Amino acid sequence: MKTSNGKQLAKKMLIAMICGLACGFGCIMLREHLVSSGQTDLWTKINNLFFQDITQPTATKAVGIFYIVGQLFVNSLQLIIVPMVFVSITLAISTITDTKKLGRISTKTILTFFITTVCALCFAGVVASIVYRLGFFNAVGKAAVTIQQGSTGSNPLNIILNIIPNNLISAFSTNGNVLAIVFIAVAMGLAMNTLEEETKTLKKLFEEVSKIITLFLSFVVNKFAPIGIFCLLTRTFAIYGIDSLRPALAYVVTVVIALFIYLFLAYPIYLMSMARVNPKPFMKKMVKVALFGFSTSSSAATLPINKRTVTEELGVNDQIASFVLPLGMTINMDGTAIMQVIAAMFIAASSGYKVTFMSMAVIAVLALIASVGTPAAPGAGAVILFTILTGMGYTNDAALLAYSLILSINRPIEMLVTSLNVVGDASTSVIVAKKENMINQEVYKG
């Protein structure tokens, strides 16, 4: 019954995605036609009515129907992220009475994350190097792109300081502090595990809160996901013009091809080699999760449906999924790492910097550190990219111009990146569960 419901939801989401992409590209064509025929005012009216971000200071008279519907859908999912991560990790750790088993699960999870991310970085470096040597990363023309100073640059090691918060309330006040939430949840779970019977009432409370969260998220996903996906995709592609995409065509094509290759080749290889399972059931059942991640461009918003799919359709024990998936959403960013390496190479090459093997290695290390601290929210990867650029010293006007160009057109890339990230989290759950004999093989194969 659960598998049947999952298939029905996947079909609805696939239809919504296809319709959203078709409408979005149709709007691109309509925009190009109206602008080229001198009817820019008409497109402005259409944009204000359907697609405009109404939070912008210049959009006081806009309606933004698609923006409102899409944002309400994403907000309803992100609303529950902090309590879900906190409760699920705390319960997962508090219910594992064998401390050696807990240590094994943690070690295997982090080691798998590290292996897949390093492989992703190496793969991205090879792809970017080939494209660079073929001369496709040419200088970006002085198009109508405003140079942004990128004030988000900082030392990547600051991520370490953010692991332990200095204020408990502030750690729970924003979705950007997920790493701190994970630390608090692990600490509380270990304490509850040690105290055992003395925390029985608290554990019962957490279990009831978990049920409420699951019910809320199931309602949102089942009832509103197709509508939200359609609005998000239509608006995302409708706001882009051909002129803004053309200068970075080499970057866009390179990243898209690299992400697709890694998605359809790397994860099946990981599952076959590390978990010794047939990857076909996994890839088939993860379709709706990948579509959901693609549509929302947020690993955090995709966490609920990812967890439900992993536990109910792939047979992974809830203890494993409750620990691995929230942690993966925070530190496992294969897609983000690939995007950041290729983007950094594109910016370096297009702005006149010489790219050597050593510089590529440094870019990979910085991308590894930066990807760990990338918030699980739309657009975060491109913003964190500035950390890598400042770390490498790629800060001349040409580099800032190329960076600005990537910021302006990177949302479609971030959508694919998110799909890769969430599939990577799920594959790690299967790998760890298989190694710990905490996976239902019949459910996985069914």
Protein backbone atom coordinates (compact mmCIF):
# COMPACT_ATOMS: atom_id res chain seq x y z
CA MET A 1 0.00 0.00 0.00
CA LYS A 2 2.83 2.40 0.93
CA THR A 3 4.70 1.53 -2.27
CA SER A 4 1.54 2.12 -4.31
CA ASN A 5 1.02 5.52 -2.67
CA GLY A 6 4.66 6.35 -3.35
CA LYS A 7 4.24 5.51 -7.03
CA GLN A 8 1.09 7.63 -7.30
CA LEU A 9 2.86 10.59 -5.69
CA ALA A 10 5.86 10.11 -8.00
CA LYS A 11 3.55 10.17 -11.05
CA LYS A 12 1.83 13.35 -9.88
CA MET A 13 5.18 15.01 -9.22
CA LEU A 14 6.55 13.93 -12.59
CA ILE A 15 3.50 15.36 -14.37
CA ALA A 16 3.84 18.59 -12.37
CA MET A 17 7.54 18.80 -13.26
CA ILE A 18 6.95 18.24 -16.98
CA CYS A 19 4.13 20.79 -17.05
CA GLY A 20 6.20 23.27 -15.04
CA LEU A 21 9.22 22.91 -17.33
CA ALA A 22 7.03 23.22 -20.44
CA CYS A 23 5.30 26.36 -19.12
CA GLY A 24 8.60 27.80 -17.94
CA PHE A 25 10.30 27.40 -21.32
CA GLY A 26 7.13 28.67 -22.98
CA CYS A 27 7.40 31.80 -20.85
CA ILE A 28 11.06 32.20 -21.88
CA MET A 29 10.02 32.12 -25.53
CA LEU A 30 7.14 34.53 -24.86
CA ARG A 31 9.49 36.89 -23.07
CA GLU A 32 12.01 36.85 -25.91
CA HIS A 33 9.25 37.48 -28.46
CA LEU A 34 7.72 40.40 -26.54
CA VAL A 35 11.09 42.03 -25.80
CA SER A 36 12.32 41.67 -29.40
CA SER A 37 9.05 43.14 -30.74
CA GLY A 38 9.21 46.16 -28.46
CA GLN A 39 6.49 45.01 -26.05
CA THR A 40 8.62 45.02 -22.92
CA ASP A 41 5.87 46.71 -20.89
CA LEU A 42 3.50 43.82 -21.58
CA TRP A 43 6.04 41.28 -20.32
CA THR A 44 6.61 43.44 -17.24
CA LYS A 45 2.89 43.31 -16.49
CA ILE A 46 2.83 39.51 -16.95
CA ASN A 47 5.89 39.14 -14.76
CA ASN A 48 4.42 41.33 -12.02
CA LEU A 49 1.17 39.38 -12.08
CA PHE A 50 2.64 35.86 -11.98
CA PHE A 51 6.37 35.63 -11.27
CA GLN A 52 7.68 38.71 -9.43
CA ASP A 53 9.35 38.27 -6.04
CA ILE A 54 7.00 40.47 -4.00
CA THR A 55 9.55 40.83 -1.16
CA GLN A 56 11.71 43.09 -3.33
CA PRO A 57 11.55 46.84 -2.55
CA THR A 58 10.64 47.59 -6.19
CA ALA A 59 7.71 45.14 -6.21
CA THR A 60 5.21 47.03 -4.06
CA LYS A 61 2.47 46.80 -6.72
CA ALA A 62 3.25 43.28 -7.96
CA VAL A 63 0.99 40.26 -7.31
CA GLY A 64 3.43 37.38 -7.96
CA ILE A 65 0.88 34.54 -7.85
CA PHE A 66 3.35 31.78 -8.71
CA TYR A 67 5.95 33.21 -6.33
CA ILE A 68 3.47 33.30 -3.44
CA VAL A 69 2.18 29.74 -3.99
CA GLY A 70 5.69 28.31 -4.43
CA GLN A 71 7.08 30.16 -1.42
CA LEU A 72 4.19 29.11 0.83
CA PHE A 73 4.83 25.50 -0.14
CA VAL A 74 8.57 25.72 0.59
CA ASN A 75 7.96 27.65 3.83
CA SER A 76 5.52 24.98 5.04
CA LEU A 77 8.26 22.38 4.58
CA GLN A 78 11.06 24.45 6.07
CA LEU A 79 8.85 25.35 9.03
CA ILE A 80 9.39 21.91 10.53
CA ILE A 81 13.05 21.32 9.60
CA VAL A 82 14.66 22.34 12.91
CA PRO A 83 12.30 20.33 15.16
CA MET A 84 12.43 17.37 12.78
CA VAL A 85 16.24 17.24 12.69
CA PHE A 86 16.49 17.71 16.44
CA VAL A 87 13.84 15.15 17.37
CA SER A 88 14.84 12.50 14.82
CA ILE A 89 18.56 12.52 15.68
CA THR A 90 17.91 12.66 19.43
CA LEU A 91 15.52 9.71 19.26
CA ALA A 92 17.81 7.74 16.96
CA ILE A 93 20.75 8.03 19.36
CA SER A 94 18.75 7.63 22.57
CA THR A 95 17.18 4.37 21.39
CA ILE A 96 20.50 2.70 20.45
CA THR A 97 21.47 1.15 23.75
CA ASP A 98 24.64 -0.47 22.39
CA THR A 99 27.27 2.29 22.52
CA LYS A 100 29.64 0.27 20.32
CA LYS A 101 26.91 0.00 17.69
CA LEU A 102 26.32 3.75 17.87
CA GLY A 103 30.03 4.33 17.37
CA ARG A 104 30.08 1.98 14.36
CA ILE A 105 27.08 3.70 12.75
CA SER A 106 28.60 7.16 13.24
CA THR A 107 32.00 6.08 11.91
CA LYS A 108 30.57 4.31 8.87
CA THR A 109 28.28 7.25 8.08
CA ILE A 110 30.98 9.92 8.22
CA LEU A 111 33.48 7.71 6.38
CA THR A 112 30.99 7.05 3.57
CA PHE A 113 30.20 10.77 3.32
CA PHE A 114 33.91 11.52 3.09
CA ILE A 115 34.58 8.88 0.43
CA THR A 116 31.70 9.97 -1.82
CA THR A 117 32.55 13.67 -1.47
CA VAL A 118 36.24 13.11 -2.28
CA CYS A 119 35.24 11.03 -5.31
CA ALA A 120 32.87 13.82 -6.38
CA LEU A 121 35.66 16.40 -6.05
CA CYS A 122 38.11 14.28 -8.05
CA PHE A 123 35.49 13.68 -10.74
CA ALA A 124 34.66 17.39 -10.94
CA GLY A 125 38.35 18.27 -11.14
CA VAL A 126 38.88 15.88 -14.06
CA VAL A 127 35.82 17.17 -15.94
CA ALA A 128 36.71 20.84 -15.35
CA SER A 129 40.33 20.23 -16.34
CA ILE A 130 39.31 18.59 -19.63
CA VAL A 131 36.91 21.42 -20.51
CA TYR A 132 39.51 24.01 -19.48
CA ARG A 133 42.24 22.46 -21.64
CA LEU A 134 39.84 22.28 -24.59
CA GLY A 135 39.49 26.05 -24.29
CA PHE A 136 35.74 26.21 -23.65
CA PHE A 137 36.08 28.33 -20.50
CA ASN A 138 36.67 31.54 -22.43
CA ALA A 139 36.53 35.07 -21.07
CA VAL A 140 33.09 36.31 -20.10
CA GLY A 141 32.08 39.29 -22.16
CA LYS A 142 31.09 42.58 -20.59
CA ALA A 143 27.43 41.70 -20.75
CA ALA A 144 24.73 43.51 -18.83
CA VAL A 145 25.89 42.01 -15.55
CA THR A 146 26.45 44.12 -12.46
CA ILE A 147 29.59 43.28 -10.52
CA GLN A 148 28.80 42.15 -6.98
CA GLN A 149 31.40 42.43 -4.26
CA GLY A 150 30.45 39.11 -2.61
CA SER A 151 30.55 40.08 1.03
CA THR A 152 29.99 36.45 2.06
CA GLY A 153 33.66 35.50 1.74
CA SER A 154 35.20 34.16 4.96
CA ASN A 155 37.68 31.64 6.29
CA PRO A 156 36.26 28.14 5.62
CA LEU A 157 37.47 27.01 9.06
CA ASN A 158 34.78 29.22 10.62
CA ILE A 159 32.50 26.23 10.01
CA ILE A 160 34.20 24.49 12.96
CA LEU A 161 33.22 27.36 15.29
CA ASN A 162 29.58 27.06 14.22
CA ILE A 163 29.31 23.43 15.33
CA ILE A 164 28.93 24.34 19.02
CA PRO A 165 26.56 27.30 19.54
CA ASN A 166 27.07 29.78 22.36
CA ASN A 167 23.33 30.32 22.74
CA LEU A 168 20.77 27.53 22.80
CA ILE A 169 17.81 29.70 21.76
CA SER A 170 19.60 31.32 18.81
CA ALA A 171 20.64 27.88 17.52
CA PHE A 172 16.97 26.94 17.14
CA SER A 173 15.91 30.28 15.67
CA THR A 174 17.02 29.75 12.05
CA ASN A 175 17.33 26.90 9.56
CA GLY A 176 20.88 28.03 8.81
CA ASN A 177 22.19 26.58 12.09
CA VAL A 178 21.49 22.94 11.29
CA LEU A 179 25.07 21.91 12.14
CA ALA A 180 24.58 23.30 15.65
CA ILE A 181 21.21 21.54 15.92
CA VAL A 182 22.89 18.25 15.01
CA PHE A 183 25.47 18.77 17.78
CA ILE A 184 22.81 19.56 20.38
CA ALA A 185 20.71 16.58 19.29
CA VAL A 186 23.69 14.21 19.48
CA ALA A 187 24.62 15.54 22.93
CA MET A 188 21.05 15.20 24.24
CA GLY A 189 20.63 11.76 22.65
CA LEU A 190 23.81 10.50 24.32
CA ALA A 191 22.70 11.95 27.67
CA MET A 192 19.27 10.32 27.37
CA ASN A 193 20.96 7.08 26.41
CA THR A 194 23.08 7.19 29.54
CA LEU A 195 20.24 8.12 31.90
CA GLU A 196 17.89 5.53 30.33
CA GLU A 197 14.79 5.14 32.59
CA GLU A 198 15.17 8.60 34.11
CA THR A 199 14.41 10.17 30.72
CA LYS A 200 11.55 7.80 29.80
CA THR A 201 8.96 10.61 29.92
CA LEU A 202 11.08 12.90 27.74
CA LYS A 203 11.63 10.11 25.22
CA LYS A 204 7.88 9.49 25.09
CA LEU A 205 7.32 13.21 24.46
CA PHE A 206 9.84 13.19 21.61
CA GLU A 207 8.14 10.15 20.06
CA GLU A 208 4.75 11.91 20.12
CA VAL A 209 6.23 15.10 18.63
CA SER A 210 7.82 12.95 15.90
CA LYS A 211 4.39 11.52 15.04
CA ILE A 212 2.91 15.03 14.80
CA ILE A 213 5.74 16.14 12.52
CA THR A 214 5.29 13.09 10.30
CA LEU A 215 1.53 13.67 10.00
CA PHE A 216 1.99 17.35 9.16
CA LEU A 217 4.62 16.68 6.53
CA SER A 218 2.64 13.84 4.95
CA PHE A 219 -0.32 16.18 4.55
CA VAL A 220 1.77 18.94 2.98
CA VAL A 221 3.62 16.60 0.61
CA ASN A 222 0.61 14.55 -0.49
CA LYS A 223 -1.84 17.43 -0.92
CA PHE A 224 0.27 20.36 -2.10
CA ALA A 225 3.48 18.97 -3.62
CA PRO A 226 2.30 18.81 -7.28
CA ILE A 227 0.88 22.35 -7.20
CA GLY A 228 3.95 23.71 -5.42
CA ILE A 229 6.33 21.97 -7.83
CA PHE A 230 4.47 23.32 -10.86
CA CYS A 231 4.57 26.91 -9.57
CA LEU A 232 8.23 26.72 -8.49
CA LEU A 233 9.46 25.30 -11.81
CA THR A 234 7.36 27.57 -13.99
CA ARG A 235 8.55 30.68 -12.18
CA THR A 236 12.20 29.58 -12.00
CA PHE A 237 12.56 29.26 -15.76
CA ALA A 238 10.18 32.09 -16.64
CA ILE A 239 12.36 34.73 -14.99
CA TYR A 240 15.43 33.91 -17.11
CA GLY A 241 16.14 35.47 -20.48
CA ILE A 242 18.31 33.91 -23.18
CA ASP A 243 20.80 36.80 -22.93
CA SER A 244 21.55 36.02 -19.29
CA LEU A 245 22.21 32.33 -20.01
CA ARG A 246 24.34 32.60 -23.16
CA PRO A 247 27.62 34.01 -21.66
CA ALA A 248 27.91 31.11 -19.21
CA LEU A 249 26.77 28.39 -21.59
CA ALA A 250 30.03 26.43 -21.24
CA TYR A 251 29.71 26.46 -17.45
CA VAL A 252 26.04 25.45 -17.49
CA VAL A 253 26.52 22.60 -19.98
CA THR A 254 29.62 21.29 -18.18
CA VAL A 255 27.96 21.24 -14.75
CA VAL A 256 24.73 19.68 -16.04
CA ILE A 257 26.57 16.87 -17.85
CA ALA A 258 28.86 16.25 -14.86
CA LEU A 259 25.93 16.10 -12.43
CA PHE A 260 23.95 13.69 -14.61
CA ILE A 261 26.96 11.40 -15.12
CA TYR A 262 27.68 11.31 -11.39
CA LEU A 263 24.01 10.74 -10.52
CA PHE A 264 23.47 7.80 -12.87
CA LEU A 265 26.90 6.17 -12.62
CA ALA A 266 28.51 6.95 -9.26
CA TYR A 267 25.67 6.06 -6.89
CA PRO A 268 24.88 2.71 -8.53
CA ILE A 269 28.60 1.91 -8.27
CA TYR A 270 28.63 2.89 -4.57
CA LEU A 271 25.61 0.69 -3.86
CA MET A 272 27.04 -2.30 -5.73
CA SER A 273 30.53 -2.00 -4.23
CA MET A 274 29.85 -0.83 -0.66
CA ALA A 275 26.38 -2.24 0.06
CA ARG A 276 26.39 -5.24 -2.30
CA VAL A 277 22.82 -4.53 -3.44
CA ASN A 278 21.12 -4.14 -6.81
CA PRO A 279 20.95 -0.38 -7.51
CA LYS A 280 17.88 -0.62 -9.77
CA PRO A 281 15.24 -0.62 -6.99
CA PHE A 282 17.04 2.28 -5.33
CA MET A 283 17.21 4.44 -8.44
CA LYS A 284 13.59 3.65 -9.32
CA LYS A 285 12.20 4.54 -5.89
CA MET A 286 14.38 7.65 -5.52
CA VAL A 287 12.90 9.27 -8.62
CA LYS A 288 10.27 11.23 -6.70
CA VAL A 289 12.82 12.35 -4.09
CA ALA A 290 15.16 13.60 -6.84
CA LEU A 291 12.23 15.38 -8.54
CA PHE A 292 11.23 16.94 -5.25
CA GLY A 293 14.77 18.14 -4.60
CA PHE A 294 14.99 19.47 -8.15
CA SER A 295 11.75 21.40 -7.76
CA THR A 296 12.38 22.93 -4.33
CA SER A 297 16.16 23.36 -4.67
CA SER A 298 16.41 22.70 -0.93
CA SER A 299 17.81 19.62 0.80
CA ALA A 300 16.03 20.72 3.97
CA ALA A 301 12.63 20.87 2.28
CA THR A 302 13.28 17.44 0.71
CA LEU A 303 14.29 15.77 3.99
CA PRO A 304 10.77 14.63 4.98
CA ILE A 305 9.96 12.84 1.72
CA ASN A 306 13.52 11.47 1.57
CA LYS A 307 13.19 9.94 5.04
CA ARG A 308 9.78 8.46 4.27
CA THR A 309 11.04 6.90 1.02
CA VAL A 310 14.19 5.50 2.63
CA THR A 311 12.34 3.88 5.53
CA GLU A 312 9.06 2.79 3.93
CA GLU A 313 10.17 1.89 0.40
CA LEU A 314 13.87 1.02 0.74
CA GLY A 315 13.52 -0.84 4.03
CA VAL A 316 16.17 1.10 5.97
CA ASN A 317 15.74 0.95 9.74
CA ASP A 318 14.32 4.17 11.17
CA GLN A 319 17.26 4.53 13.57
CA ILE A 320 19.69 4.63 10.65
CA ALA A 321 17.57 6.98 8.52
CA SER A 322 16.87 9.34 11.43
CA PHE A 323 20.59 9.73 12.05
CA VAL A 324 22.12 9.57 8.55
CA LEU A 325 19.67 11.75 6.57
CA PRO A 326 19.65 14.88 8.80
CA LEU A 327 23.42 14.62 9.20
CA GLY A 328 23.82 14.15 5.44
CA MET A 329 21.61 17.16 4.76
CA THR A 330 24.13 19.14 6.81
CA ILE A 331 27.55 17.82 5.75
CA ASN A 332 27.12 15.55 2.71
CA MET A 333 27.08 17.76 -0.39
CA ASP A 334 28.37 15.80 -3.40
CA GLY A 335 26.46 17.91 -5.92
CA THR A 336 27.47 21.16 -4.24
CA ALA A 337 31.14 20.11 -4.29
CA ILE A 338 30.98 19.31 -8.02
CA MET A 339 29.30 22.61 -8.82
CA GLN A 340 31.76 24.65 -6.75
CA VAL A 341 34.87 23.06 -8.28
CA ILE A 342 33.66 23.57 -11.85
CA ALA A 343 32.42 27.09 -11.08
CA ALA A 344 35.75 28.05 -9.49
CA MET A 345 37.63 26.68 -12.50
CA PHE A 346 35.32 28.54 -14.89
CA ILE A 347 35.77 31.81 -13.02
CA ALA A 348 39.55 31.40 -12.80
CA ALA A 349 39.96 30.57 -16.48
CA SER A 350 37.54 33.21 -17.73
CA SER A 351 39.16 35.96 -15.65
CA GLY A 352 42.77 35.36 -16.68
CA TYR A 353 44.13 33.30 -13.78
CA LYS A 354 46.44 30.40 -14.55
CA VAL A 355 45.02 27.08 -13.41
CA THR A 356 47.63 24.52 -12.30
CA PHE A 357 47.35 21.10 -10.70
CA MET A 358 48.23 22.63 -7.33
CA SER A 359 45.56 25.31 -7.63
CA MET A 360 43.03 22.64 -8.58
CA ALA A 361 43.98 20.66 -5.46
CA VAL A 362 43.55 23.73 -3.26
CA ILE A 363 40.17 24.46 -4.88
CA ALA A 364 39.10 20.87 -4.13
CA VAL A 365 40.15 21.14 -0.46
CA LEU A 366 38.35 24.47 -0.04
CA ALA A 367 35.28 23.05 -1.79
CA LEU A 368 35.31 20.07 0.59
CA ILE A 369 35.36 22.34 3.64
CA ALA A 370 32.91 24.87 2.20
CA SER A 371 30.41 22.22 1.09
CA VAL A 372 30.20 20.94 4.68
CA GLY A 373 29.03 24.35 5.82
CA THR A 374 26.65 25.02 2.94
CA PRO A 375 23.13 25.67 4.26
CA ALA A 376 20.49 23.29 2.89
CA ALA A 377 18.58 26.13 1.24
CA PRO A 378 18.07 27.45 -2.31
CA GLY A 379 21.01 29.41 -3.73
CA ALA A 380 23.33 28.69 -0.81
CA GLY A 381 25.94 26.87 -2.90
CA ALA A 382 26.57 29.78 -5.23
CA VAL A 383 26.86 32.19 -2.30
CA ILE A 384 29.32 29.97 -0.41
CA LEU A 385 31.31 29.78 -3.67
CA PHE A 386 32.72 33.22 -2.84
CA THR A 387 34.55 31.63 0.10
CA ILE A 388 36.53 29.51 -2.37
CA LEU A 389 37.22 32.45 -4.67
CA THR A 390 38.57 34.63 -1.86
CA GLY A 391 40.60 31.70 -0.52
CA MET A 392 42.21 31.32 -3.96
CA GLY A 393 42.66 35.06 -4.48
CA TYR A 394 40.33 35.16 -7.52
CA THR A 395 39.04 38.65 -6.82
CA ASN A 396 39.85 40.88 -9.81
CA ASP A 397 37.05 42.65 -11.72
CA ALA A 398 36.82 39.89 -14.34
CA ALA A 399 36.45 37.25 -11.62
CA LEU A 400 33.75 39.25 -9.88
CA LEU A 401 31.97 39.66 -13.20
CA ALA A 402 32.03 35.90 -13.83
CA TYR A 403 30.92 35.26 -10.24
CA SER A 404 28.02 37.69 -10.66
CA LEU A 405 27.01 35.90 -13.84
CA ILE A 406 26.94 32.55 -12.02
CA LEU A 407 24.87 34.04 -9.21
CA SER A 408 22.35 35.38 -11.70
CA ILE A 409 21.75 32.10 -13.56
CA ASN A 410 22.65 29.42 -11.03
CA ARG A 411 19.16 28.52 -9.74
CA PRO A 412 18.57 25.80 -12.39
CA ILE A 413 22.02 24.39 -11.57
CA GLU A 414 21.22 24.43 -7.84
CA MET A 415 18.10 22.40 -8.59
CA LEU A 416 20.15 19.58 -10.11
CA VAL A 417 22.72 19.92 -7.34
CA THR A 418 20.02 19.38 -4.72
CA SER A 419 18.81 16.23 -6.49
CA LEU A 420 22.34 14.86 -6.30
CA ASN A 421 22.73 15.80 -2.64
CA VAL A 422 19.52 14.10 -1.48
CA VAL A 423 20.17 10.95 -3.52
CA GLY A 424 23.65 10.83 -1.98
CA ASP A 425 22.17 11.01 1.54
CA ALA A 426 19.75 8.18 0.75
CA SER A 427 22.47 5.98 -0.77
CA THR A 428 24.60 6.41 2.35
CA SER A 429 21.61 5.36 4.49
CA VAL A 430 21.29 2.16 2.46
CA ILE A 431 25.04 1.48 2.63
CA VAL A 432 25.24 1.96 6.41
CA ALA A 433 22.03 0.00 7.03
CA LYS A 434 23.27 -2.91 4.91
CA LYS A 435 26.60 -3.03 6.75
CA GLU A 436 24.76 -3.04 10.09
CA ASN A 437 22.14 -5.60 8.92
CA MET A 438 19.43 -3.01 9.61
CA ILE A 439 17.71 -3.09 6.23
CA ASN A 440 14.68 -5.10 5.13
CA GLN A 441 15.84 -6.76 1.93
CA GLU A 442 12.31 -7.71 0.85
CA VAL A 443 11.07 -4.15 1.15
CA TYR A 444 14.14 -2.87 -0.70
CA LYS A 445 13.62 -5.26 -3.61
CA GLY A 446 9.83 -4.82 -3.73
